[in-house]
Amino acid sequence: MSGLKSAWELSMERSDKLAPELKNQKRLTKKQKHEIAGIRNEYAARIADKDVTFQDKLRKLSDRVPLEEMEAAKAELGQQFLSDKKTLEEQMEKEVATVRRDQKD
């Protein structure tokens, strides 16, 4: 009977093979989890603010741009928003990685 493995054991073996780097990762402390949650909330708010600003600029676009240039202006605003969002997400991930790395043993 010692040769049989539970579904949980089989699953753990498969997950170790698929993502071996996760096996070496240490558990996060409550403080780290709290810090990471705070970072994620802060950046979610920043991204939401950028989104609101983007939507507002889109609504006001017709007042500032001739009709024939509207699509190009919308595309440019959209690209700028996506670029800003990507930058914020990358900054967030760097901060989260710093919190994970600065773990006290």
N, C-alpha and C. Protein backbone atom coordinates (compact mmCIF):
# COMPACT_ATOMS: atom_id res chain seq x y z
N MET A 1 0.82 -1.19 0.00
CA MET A 1 0.00 0.00 0.00
C MET A 1 0.87 1.26 0.00
N SER A 2 2.13 1.13 0.32
CA SER A 2 3.00 2.30 0.36
C SER A 2 3.29 2.82 -1.04
N GLY A 3 3.05 2.04 -2.07
CA GLY A 3 3.31 2.47 -3.44
C GLY A 3 2.25 3.40 -3.99
N LEU A 4 1.08 3.44 -3.36
CA LEU A 4 0.01 4.31 -3.84
C LEU A 4 0.20 5.74 -3.34
N LYS A 5 -0.11 6.68 -4.20
CA LYS A 5 0.01 8.08 -3.83
C LYS A 5 -1.37 8.74 -3.93
N SER A 6 -1.57 9.70 -3.07
CA SER A 6 -2.84 10.43 -3.10
C SER A 6 -2.83 11.39 -4.28
N ALA A 7 -4.02 11.87 -4.61
CA ALA A 7 -4.14 12.84 -5.70
C ALA A 7 -3.34 14.09 -5.36
N TRP A 8 -3.33 14.47 -4.10
CA TRP A 8 -2.59 15.66 -3.67
C TRP A 8 -1.09 15.48 -3.92
N GLU A 9 -0.54 14.30 -3.56
CA GLU A 9 0.88 14.04 -3.78
C GLU A 9 1.23 14.05 -5.27
N LEU A 10 0.38 13.45 -6.08
CA LEU A 10 0.61 13.44 -7.52
C LEU A 10 0.56 14.87 -8.08
N SER A 11 -0.39 15.65 -7.60
CA SER A 11 -0.51 17.04 -8.04
C SER A 11 0.73 17.84 -7.66
N MET A 12 1.23 17.65 -6.45
CA MET A 12 2.42 18.37 -6.00
C MET A 12 3.63 18.00 -6.85
N GLU A 13 3.77 16.73 -7.19
CA GLU A 13 4.89 16.30 -8.04
C GLU A 13 4.80 16.96 -9.41
N ARG A 14 3.59 17.01 -9.98
CA ARG A 14 3.42 17.64 -11.29
C ARG A 14 3.71 19.13 -11.22
N SER A 15 3.26 19.78 -10.16
CA SER A 15 3.50 21.23 -10.06
C SER A 15 4.98 21.52 -9.89
N ASP A 16 5.71 20.65 -9.18
CA ASP A 16 7.16 20.84 -9.04
C ASP A 16 7.86 20.73 -10.39
N LYS A 17 7.37 19.86 -11.23
CA LYS A 17 7.98 19.69 -12.55
C LYS A 17 7.64 20.87 -13.46
N LEU A 18 6.43 21.41 -13.34
CA LEU A 18 6.01 22.50 -14.21
C LEU A 18 6.64 23.83 -13.82
N ALA A 19 6.77 24.08 -12.51
CA ALA A 19 7.30 25.36 -12.04
C ALA A 19 8.26 25.13 -10.87
N PRO A 20 9.46 24.65 -11.15
CA PRO A 20 10.39 24.35 -10.07
C PRO A 20 10.82 25.58 -9.28
N GLU A 21 10.77 26.77 -9.88
CA GLU A 21 11.17 27.98 -9.16
C GLU A 21 10.21 28.29 -8.01
N LEU A 22 8.97 27.84 -8.11
CA LEU A 22 8.01 28.08 -7.02
C LEU A 22 8.34 27.24 -5.79
N LYS A 23 8.97 26.11 -5.99
CA LYS A 23 9.31 25.24 -4.87
C LYS A 23 10.34 25.91 -3.97
N ASN A 24 11.25 26.67 -4.54
CA ASN A 24 12.31 27.33 -3.78
C ASN A 24 11.85 28.62 -3.12
N GLN A 25 10.66 29.10 -3.49
CA GLN A 25 10.16 30.35 -2.93
C GLN A 25 9.70 30.12 -1.49
N LYS A 26 10.08 31.04 -0.61
CA LYS A 26 9.67 30.93 0.78
C LYS A 26 8.29 31.54 0.95
N ARG A 27 7.61 31.10 1.99
CA ARG A 27 6.28 31.64 2.28
C ARG A 27 6.40 33.09 2.71
N LEU A 28 5.39 33.84 2.35
CA LEU A 28 5.36 35.25 2.72
C LEU A 28 4.83 35.40 4.15
N THR A 29 5.35 36.40 4.83
CA THR A 29 4.84 36.70 6.16
C THR A 29 3.56 37.53 6.01
N LYS A 30 2.83 37.66 7.11
CA LYS A 30 1.61 38.47 7.07
C LYS A 30 1.94 39.92 6.71
N LYS A 31 3.06 40.40 7.24
CA LYS A 31 3.47 41.78 6.94
C LYS A 31 3.73 41.95 5.45
N GLN A 32 4.42 40.98 4.84
CA GLN A 32 4.70 41.05 3.41
C GLN A 32 3.41 41.00 2.60
N LYS A 33 2.50 40.12 2.99
CA LYS A 33 1.22 40.02 2.29
C LYS A 33 0.48 41.35 2.37
N HIS A 34 0.52 41.97 3.54
CA HIS A 34 -0.14 43.25 3.74
C HIS A 34 0.52 44.33 2.87
N GLU A 35 1.85 44.35 2.82
CA GLU A 35 2.58 45.32 2.00
C GLU A 35 2.25 45.13 0.52
N ILE A 36 2.24 43.89 0.08
CA ILE A 36 1.96 43.59 -1.33
C ILE A 36 0.53 44.01 -1.67
N ALA A 37 -0.40 43.73 -0.78
CA ALA A 37 -1.79 44.13 -1.02
C ALA A 37 -1.88 45.66 -1.11
N GLY A 38 -1.16 46.36 -0.25
CA GLY A 38 -1.16 47.81 -0.29
C GLY A 38 -0.59 48.34 -1.60
N ILE A 39 0.49 47.74 -2.05
CA ILE A 39 1.11 48.14 -3.32
C ILE A 39 0.13 47.92 -4.47
N ARG A 40 -0.49 46.74 -4.50
CA ARG A 40 -1.44 46.44 -5.58
C ARG A 40 -2.63 47.40 -5.55
N ASN A 41 -3.13 47.72 -4.36
CA ASN A 41 -4.25 48.65 -4.25
C ASN A 41 -3.86 50.05 -4.73
N GLU A 42 -2.66 50.48 -4.35
CA GLU A 42 -2.19 51.80 -4.76
C GLU A 42 -2.08 51.89 -6.28
N TYR A 43 -1.51 50.88 -6.90
CA TYR A 43 -1.36 50.91 -8.34
C TYR A 43 -2.68 50.72 -9.07
N ALA A 44 -3.59 49.96 -8.49
CA ALA A 44 -4.93 49.83 -9.09
C ALA A 44 -5.61 51.19 -9.10
N ALA A 45 -5.44 51.96 -8.02
CA ALA A 45 -6.02 53.31 -7.96
C ALA A 45 -5.37 54.23 -8.99
N ARG A 46 -4.05 54.13 -9.14
CA ARG A 46 -3.36 54.96 -10.13
C ARG A 46 -3.83 54.64 -11.54
N ILE A 47 -3.99 53.35 -11.83
CA ILE A 47 -4.44 52.93 -13.16
C ILE A 47 -5.88 53.39 -13.38
N ALA A 48 -6.71 53.28 -12.36
CA ALA A 48 -8.10 53.73 -12.48
C ALA A 48 -8.14 55.24 -12.75
N ASP A 49 -7.27 55.98 -12.08
CA ASP A 49 -7.20 57.42 -12.30
C ASP A 49 -6.80 57.73 -13.74
N LYS A 50 -5.81 57.00 -14.25
CA LYS A 50 -5.40 57.18 -15.66
C LYS A 50 -6.56 56.86 -16.60
N ASP A 51 -7.32 55.82 -16.26
CA ASP A 51 -8.46 55.42 -17.09
C ASP A 51 -9.53 56.51 -17.11
N VAL A 52 -9.84 57.08 -15.95
CA VAL A 52 -10.83 58.15 -15.88
C VAL A 52 -10.36 59.36 -16.70
N THR A 53 -9.09 59.70 -16.56
CA THR A 53 -8.53 60.82 -17.32
C THR A 53 -8.60 60.54 -18.83
N PHE A 54 -8.28 59.31 -19.21
CA PHE A 54 -8.34 58.90 -20.62
C PHE A 54 -9.77 59.03 -21.15
N GLN A 55 -10.75 58.53 -20.40
CA GLN A 55 -12.15 58.60 -20.82
C GLN A 55 -12.60 60.05 -20.96
N ASP A 56 -12.16 60.90 -20.04
CA ASP A 56 -12.51 62.32 -20.08
C ASP A 56 -11.91 62.98 -21.33
N LYS A 57 -10.67 62.66 -21.62
CA LYS A 57 -10.02 63.21 -22.82
C LYS A 57 -10.74 62.76 -24.09
N LEU A 58 -11.20 61.50 -24.09
CA LEU A 58 -11.94 61.00 -25.26
C LEU A 58 -13.24 61.78 -25.45
N ARG A 59 -13.95 62.04 -24.35
CA ARG A 59 -15.21 62.78 -24.45
C ARG A 59 -14.99 64.20 -24.96
N LYS A 60 -13.90 64.82 -24.57
CA LYS A 60 -13.62 66.20 -24.95
C LYS A 60 -12.89 66.32 -26.29
N LEU A 61 -12.56 65.20 -26.89
CA LEU A 61 -11.78 65.20 -28.11
C LEU A 61 -12.50 65.91 -29.26
N SER A 62 -13.80 65.73 -29.36
CA SER A 62 -14.54 66.32 -30.48
C SER A 62 -14.53 67.84 -30.44
N ASP A 63 -14.30 68.41 -29.25
CA ASP A 63 -14.23 69.87 -29.13
C ASP A 63 -12.91 70.43 -29.65
N ARG A 64 -11.86 69.61 -29.65
CA ARG A 64 -10.52 70.11 -29.95
C ARG A 64 -9.97 69.64 -31.29
N VAL A 65 -10.50 68.56 -31.82
CA VAL A 65 -9.91 67.94 -33.01
C VAL A 65 -10.93 67.94 -34.15
N PRO A 66 -10.49 68.29 -35.36
CA PRO A 66 -11.41 68.22 -36.51
C PRO A 66 -11.88 66.78 -36.74
N LEU A 67 -13.06 66.65 -37.28
CA LEU A 67 -13.69 65.35 -37.48
C LEU A 67 -12.82 64.37 -38.27
N GLU A 68 -12.14 64.88 -39.29
CA GLU A 68 -11.33 63.98 -40.14
C GLU A 68 -10.09 63.44 -39.41
N GLU A 69 -9.69 64.08 -38.31
CA GLU A 69 -8.52 63.62 -37.54
C GLU A 69 -8.91 62.87 -36.27
N MET A 70 -10.21 62.68 -36.07
CA MET A 70 -10.72 62.10 -34.83
C MET A 70 -10.19 60.68 -34.58
N GLU A 71 -10.24 59.83 -35.57
CA GLU A 71 -9.81 58.43 -35.37
C GLU A 71 -8.33 58.35 -35.00
N ALA A 72 -7.52 59.13 -35.69
CA ALA A 72 -6.08 59.12 -35.40
C ALA A 72 -5.82 59.63 -33.98
N ALA A 73 -6.55 60.66 -33.57
CA ALA A 73 -6.39 61.20 -32.22
C ALA A 73 -6.84 60.20 -31.17
N LYS A 74 -7.94 59.49 -31.43
CA LYS A 74 -8.41 58.45 -30.50
C LYS A 74 -7.38 57.34 -30.37
N ALA A 75 -6.82 56.93 -31.50
CA ALA A 75 -5.82 55.87 -31.47
C ALA A 75 -4.58 56.31 -30.69
N GLU A 76 -4.18 57.55 -30.89
CA GLU A 76 -3.01 58.06 -30.18
C GLU A 76 -3.26 58.12 -28.67
N LEU A 77 -4.43 58.60 -28.29
CA LEU A 77 -4.78 58.62 -26.86
C LEU A 77 -4.82 57.22 -26.27
N GLY A 78 -5.38 56.30 -27.04
CA GLY A 78 -5.45 54.90 -26.58
C GLY A 78 -4.08 54.30 -26.39
N GLN A 79 -3.18 54.56 -27.31
CA GLN A 79 -1.82 54.04 -27.20
C GLN A 79 -1.09 54.64 -26.00
N GLN A 80 -1.31 55.93 -25.77
CA GLN A 80 -0.68 56.59 -24.62
C GLN A 80 -1.20 55.99 -23.31
N PHE A 81 -2.50 55.75 -23.24
CA PHE A 81 -3.08 55.14 -22.04
C PHE A 81 -2.50 53.75 -21.80
N LEU A 82 -2.43 52.95 -22.85
CA LEU A 82 -1.89 51.60 -22.70
C LEU A 82 -0.43 51.61 -22.28
N SER A 83 0.32 52.55 -22.83
CA SER A 83 1.72 52.69 -22.45
C SER A 83 1.86 53.08 -20.98
N ASP A 84 1.06 54.06 -20.55
CA ASP A 84 1.09 54.48 -19.14
C ASP A 84 0.69 53.34 -18.22
N LYS A 85 -0.34 52.59 -18.62
CA LYS A 85 -0.82 51.46 -17.81
C LYS A 85 0.27 50.39 -17.69
N LYS A 86 0.91 50.09 -18.79
CA LYS A 86 1.98 49.08 -18.78
C LYS A 86 3.13 49.51 -17.88
N THR A 87 3.49 50.79 -17.96
CA THR A 87 4.57 51.32 -17.11
C THR A 87 4.21 51.18 -15.63
N LEU A 88 2.98 51.54 -15.28
CA LEU A 88 2.54 51.42 -13.89
C LEU A 88 2.53 49.96 -13.43
N GLU A 89 2.08 49.05 -14.29
CA GLU A 89 2.06 47.63 -13.93
C GLU A 89 3.48 47.11 -13.72
N GLU A 90 4.42 47.54 -14.55
CA GLU A 90 5.81 47.11 -14.39
C GLU A 90 6.41 47.65 -13.09
N GLN A 91 6.11 48.91 -12.77
CA GLN A 91 6.58 49.48 -11.50
C GLN A 91 6.00 48.70 -10.32
N MET A 92 4.72 48.36 -10.41
CA MET A 92 4.07 47.60 -9.35
C MET A 92 4.76 46.26 -9.15
N GLU A 93 5.02 45.56 -10.23
CA GLU A 93 5.65 44.24 -10.13
C GLU A 93 7.06 44.34 -9.55
N LYS A 94 7.77 45.41 -9.88
CA LYS A 94 9.11 45.61 -9.29
C LYS A 94 9.01 45.80 -7.79
N GLU A 95 8.05 46.61 -7.36
CA GLU A 95 7.88 46.83 -5.92
C GLU A 95 7.47 45.56 -5.20
N VAL A 96 6.58 44.78 -5.81
CA VAL A 96 6.16 43.51 -5.21
C VAL A 96 7.34 42.56 -5.12
N ALA A 97 8.14 42.50 -6.17
CA ALA A 97 9.33 41.63 -6.16
C ALA A 97 10.31 42.05 -5.08
N THR A 98 10.44 43.36 -4.86
CA THR A 98 11.33 43.85 -3.80
C THR A 98 10.83 43.40 -2.44
N VAL A 99 9.53 43.48 -2.21
CA VAL A 99 8.96 43.04 -0.93
C VAL A 99 9.20 41.54 -0.75
N ARG A 100 8.99 40.77 -1.81
CA ARG A 100 9.21 39.31 -1.73
C ARG A 100 10.67 38.98 -1.46
N ARG A 101 11.57 39.71 -2.10
CA ARG A 101 13.00 39.45 -1.98
C ARG A 101 13.56 39.86 -0.62
N ASP A 102 13.02 40.92 -0.04
CA ASP A 102 13.51 41.44 1.23
C ASP A 102 12.95 40.67 2.43
N GLN A 103 12.78 39.40 2.26
CA GLN A 103 12.25 38.55 3.31
C GLN A 103 13.31 38.28 4.35
N LYS A 104 12.95 38.45 5.59
CA LYS A 104 13.88 38.16 6.70
C LYS A 104 13.80 36.67 7.02
N ASP A 105 14.93 36.03 7.04
CA ASP A 105 14.97 34.59 7.34
C ASP A 105 15.09 34.36 8.83
